[in-house]
Amino acid sequence: MADNKQIKITLKRGLAGADQRQKDCVRTLGLHKIGQSTVREDTPIVRGVVRRIAHLVTVEEA
């Protein structure tokens, strides 16, 4: 049986000064505004995207 862990990702900082790759990562996660949160499945792909923008977001178990 698959383990369906989920994580809650919240955008904590704005994208001013961020490079295009970081902006693309934020949009890929579905985040648009500061303070907005999204819940995603905890997979290595999502963790990799979050690692690239770790300074802009907070992550917690959902």
N, C-alpha and C. Protein backbone atom coordinates (compact mmCIF):
# COMPACT_ATOMS: atom_id res chain seq x y z
N MET A 1 0.84 -1.19 0.00
CA MET A 1 0.00 0.00 0.00
C MET A 1 0.88 1.24 0.00
N ALA A 2 0.54 2.20 -0.82
CA ALA A 2 1.35 3.42 -0.94
C ALA A 2 1.15 4.30 0.28
N ASP A 3 2.23 4.94 0.68
CA ASP A 3 2.19 5.86 1.81
C ASP A 3 1.93 7.26 1.26
N ASN A 4 0.73 7.80 1.50
CA ASN A 4 0.34 9.07 0.92
C ASN A 4 0.58 10.23 1.87
N LYS A 5 1.83 10.45 2.24
CA LYS A 5 2.15 11.59 3.08
C LYS A 5 2.00 12.86 2.27
N GLN A 6 1.60 13.93 2.94
CA GLN A 6 1.45 15.20 2.27
C GLN A 6 2.17 16.28 3.05
N ILE A 7 2.60 17.32 2.34
CA ILE A 7 3.25 18.45 2.97
C ILE A 7 2.51 19.72 2.60
N LYS A 8 2.52 20.67 3.52
CA LYS A 8 1.91 21.96 3.29
C LYS A 8 3.03 22.96 3.03
N ILE A 9 2.97 23.64 1.89
CA ILE A 9 4.00 24.57 1.48
C ILE A 9 3.38 25.97 1.48
N THR A 10 4.02 26.92 2.19
CA THR A 10 3.51 28.27 2.30
C THR A 10 4.56 29.26 1.79
N LEU A 11 4.15 30.16 0.91
CA LEU A 11 5.05 31.19 0.39
C LEU A 11 5.20 32.27 1.44
N LYS A 12 6.43 32.49 1.91
CA LYS A 12 6.67 33.44 2.99
C LYS A 12 7.36 34.71 2.52
N ARG A 13 8.03 34.69 1.38
CA ARG A 13 8.73 35.86 0.89
C ARG A 13 8.31 36.12 -0.54
N GLY A 14 8.42 37.37 -0.95
CA GLY A 14 8.06 37.75 -2.31
C GLY A 14 9.12 37.31 -3.32
N LEU A 15 8.80 37.46 -4.58
CA LEU A 15 9.67 37.00 -5.65
C LEU A 15 10.53 38.11 -6.25
N ALA A 16 10.47 39.31 -5.68
CA ALA A 16 11.32 40.39 -6.17
C ALA A 16 12.78 40.01 -5.97
N GLY A 17 13.54 40.06 -7.02
CA GLY A 17 14.96 39.71 -6.94
C GLY A 17 15.25 38.25 -7.18
N ALA A 18 14.22 37.44 -7.28
CA ALA A 18 14.41 36.01 -7.54
C ALA A 18 14.68 35.81 -9.03
N ASP A 19 15.49 34.80 -9.36
CA ASP A 19 15.74 34.55 -10.78
C ASP A 19 14.54 33.79 -11.38
N GLN A 20 14.54 33.68 -12.70
CA GLN A 20 13.38 33.10 -13.39
C GLN A 20 13.13 31.65 -12.99
N ARG A 21 14.19 30.89 -12.73
CA ARG A 21 14.02 29.49 -12.35
C ARG A 21 13.28 29.38 -11.02
N GLN A 22 13.61 30.26 -10.06
CA GLN A 22 12.92 30.25 -8.77
C GLN A 22 11.46 30.65 -8.93
N LYS A 23 11.20 31.64 -9.75
CA LYS A 23 9.82 32.06 -10.01
C LYS A 23 9.02 30.92 -10.63
N ASP A 24 9.64 30.21 -11.56
CA ASP A 24 8.97 29.08 -12.20
C ASP A 24 8.65 27.98 -11.18
N CYS A 25 9.57 27.73 -10.26
CA CYS A 25 9.35 26.72 -9.23
C CYS A 25 8.16 27.08 -8.34
N VAL A 26 8.07 28.36 -7.96
CA VAL A 26 6.96 28.81 -7.12
C VAL A 26 5.64 28.63 -7.86
N ARG A 27 5.60 29.00 -9.14
CA ARG A 27 4.38 28.86 -9.93
C ARG A 27 4.02 27.40 -10.14
N THR A 28 5.03 26.54 -10.31
CA THR A 28 4.79 25.11 -10.49
C THR A 28 4.07 24.53 -9.28
N LEU A 29 4.40 25.02 -8.10
CA LEU A 29 3.74 24.55 -6.88
C LEU A 29 2.35 25.15 -6.72
N GLY A 30 1.99 26.12 -7.54
CA GLY A 30 0.66 26.71 -7.49
C GLY A 30 0.55 27.87 -6.52
N LEU A 31 1.67 28.49 -6.20
CA LEU A 31 1.67 29.62 -5.27
C LEU A 31 1.74 30.93 -6.04
N HIS A 32 0.96 31.93 -5.58
CA HIS A 32 0.92 33.21 -6.28
C HIS A 32 1.13 34.39 -5.34
N LYS A 33 0.62 34.32 -4.12
CA LYS A 33 0.69 35.44 -3.20
C LYS A 33 1.44 35.05 -1.93
N ILE A 34 2.03 36.03 -1.29
CA ILE A 34 2.68 35.80 0.00
C ILE A 34 1.61 35.36 0.99
N GLY A 35 1.91 34.32 1.74
CA GLY A 35 0.97 33.79 2.73
C GLY A 35 0.09 32.69 2.18
N GLN A 36 0.08 32.49 0.88
CA GLN A 36 -0.73 31.44 0.28
C GLN A 36 -0.09 30.08 0.53
N SER A 37 -0.92 29.08 0.77
CA SER A 37 -0.43 27.72 1.03
C SER A 37 -1.03 26.74 0.03
N THR A 38 -0.32 25.66 -0.15
CA THR A 38 -0.81 24.57 -0.99
C THR A 38 -0.37 23.26 -0.35
N VAL A 39 -1.15 22.22 -0.56
CA VAL A 39 -0.82 20.90 -0.04
C VAL A 39 -0.45 20.01 -1.22
N ARG A 40 0.71 19.39 -1.12
CA ARG A 40 1.20 18.52 -2.19
C ARG A 40 1.62 17.19 -1.60
N GLU A 41 1.62 16.16 -2.43
CA GLU A 41 2.10 14.86 -2.00
C GLU A 41 3.61 14.93 -1.78
N ASP A 42 4.08 14.27 -0.75
CA ASP A 42 5.50 14.31 -0.38
C ASP A 42 6.28 13.31 -1.24
N THR A 43 6.75 13.78 -2.39
CA THR A 43 7.52 12.95 -3.31
C THR A 43 8.91 13.56 -3.48
N PRO A 44 9.87 12.79 -3.95
CA PRO A 44 11.21 13.35 -4.18
C PRO A 44 11.21 14.52 -5.18
N ILE A 45 10.31 14.49 -6.14
CA ILE A 45 10.25 15.58 -7.13
C ILE A 45 9.81 16.88 -6.45
N VAL A 46 8.75 16.81 -5.64
CA VAL A 46 8.27 18.00 -4.94
C VAL A 46 9.32 18.48 -3.95
N ARG A 47 9.97 17.57 -3.25
CA ARG A 47 11.03 17.96 -2.32
C ARG A 47 12.17 18.67 -3.03
N GLY A 48 12.50 18.23 -4.24
CA GLY A 48 13.55 18.88 -5.02
C GLY A 48 13.18 20.30 -5.40
N VAL A 49 11.93 20.50 -5.80
CA VAL A 49 11.46 21.85 -6.15
C VAL A 49 11.50 22.73 -4.91
N VAL A 50 11.04 22.21 -3.79
CA VAL A 50 11.02 22.98 -2.54
C VAL A 50 12.45 23.31 -2.10
N ARG A 51 13.37 22.40 -2.29
CA ARG A 51 14.77 22.65 -1.89
C ARG A 51 15.35 23.83 -2.66
N ARG A 52 14.96 23.96 -3.93
CA ARG A 52 15.47 25.05 -4.76
C ARG A 52 14.97 26.42 -4.29
N ILE A 53 13.80 26.46 -3.65
CA ILE A 53 13.23 27.73 -3.19
C ILE A 53 13.02 27.74 -1.68
N ALA A 54 13.86 27.00 -0.96
CA ALA A 54 13.69 26.84 0.49
C ALA A 54 13.72 28.18 1.23
N HIS A 55 14.44 29.17 0.70
CA HIS A 55 14.52 30.45 1.36
C HIS A 55 13.27 31.30 1.17
N LEU A 56 12.35 30.87 0.32
CA LEU A 56 11.13 31.61 0.05
C LEU A 56 9.89 30.99 0.69
N VAL A 57 9.98 29.73 1.11
CA VAL A 57 8.81 29.01 1.60
C VAL A 57 9.08 28.36 2.95
N THR A 58 7.99 27.97 3.60
CA THR A 58 8.08 27.12 4.78
C THR A 58 7.32 25.82 4.45
N VAL A 59 7.78 24.73 5.05
CA VAL A 59 7.20 23.41 4.77
C VAL A 59 6.84 22.77 6.09
N GLU A 60 5.65 22.17 6.15
CA GLU A 60 5.23 21.43 7.34
C GLU A 60 4.41 20.23 6.91
N GLU A 61 4.32 19.25 7.79
CA GLU A 61 3.52 18.06 7.52
C GLU A 61 2.05 18.46 7.47
N ALA A 62 1.31 17.87 6.55
CA ALA A 62 -0.12 18.18 6.45
C ALA A 62 -0.94 17.01 6.96
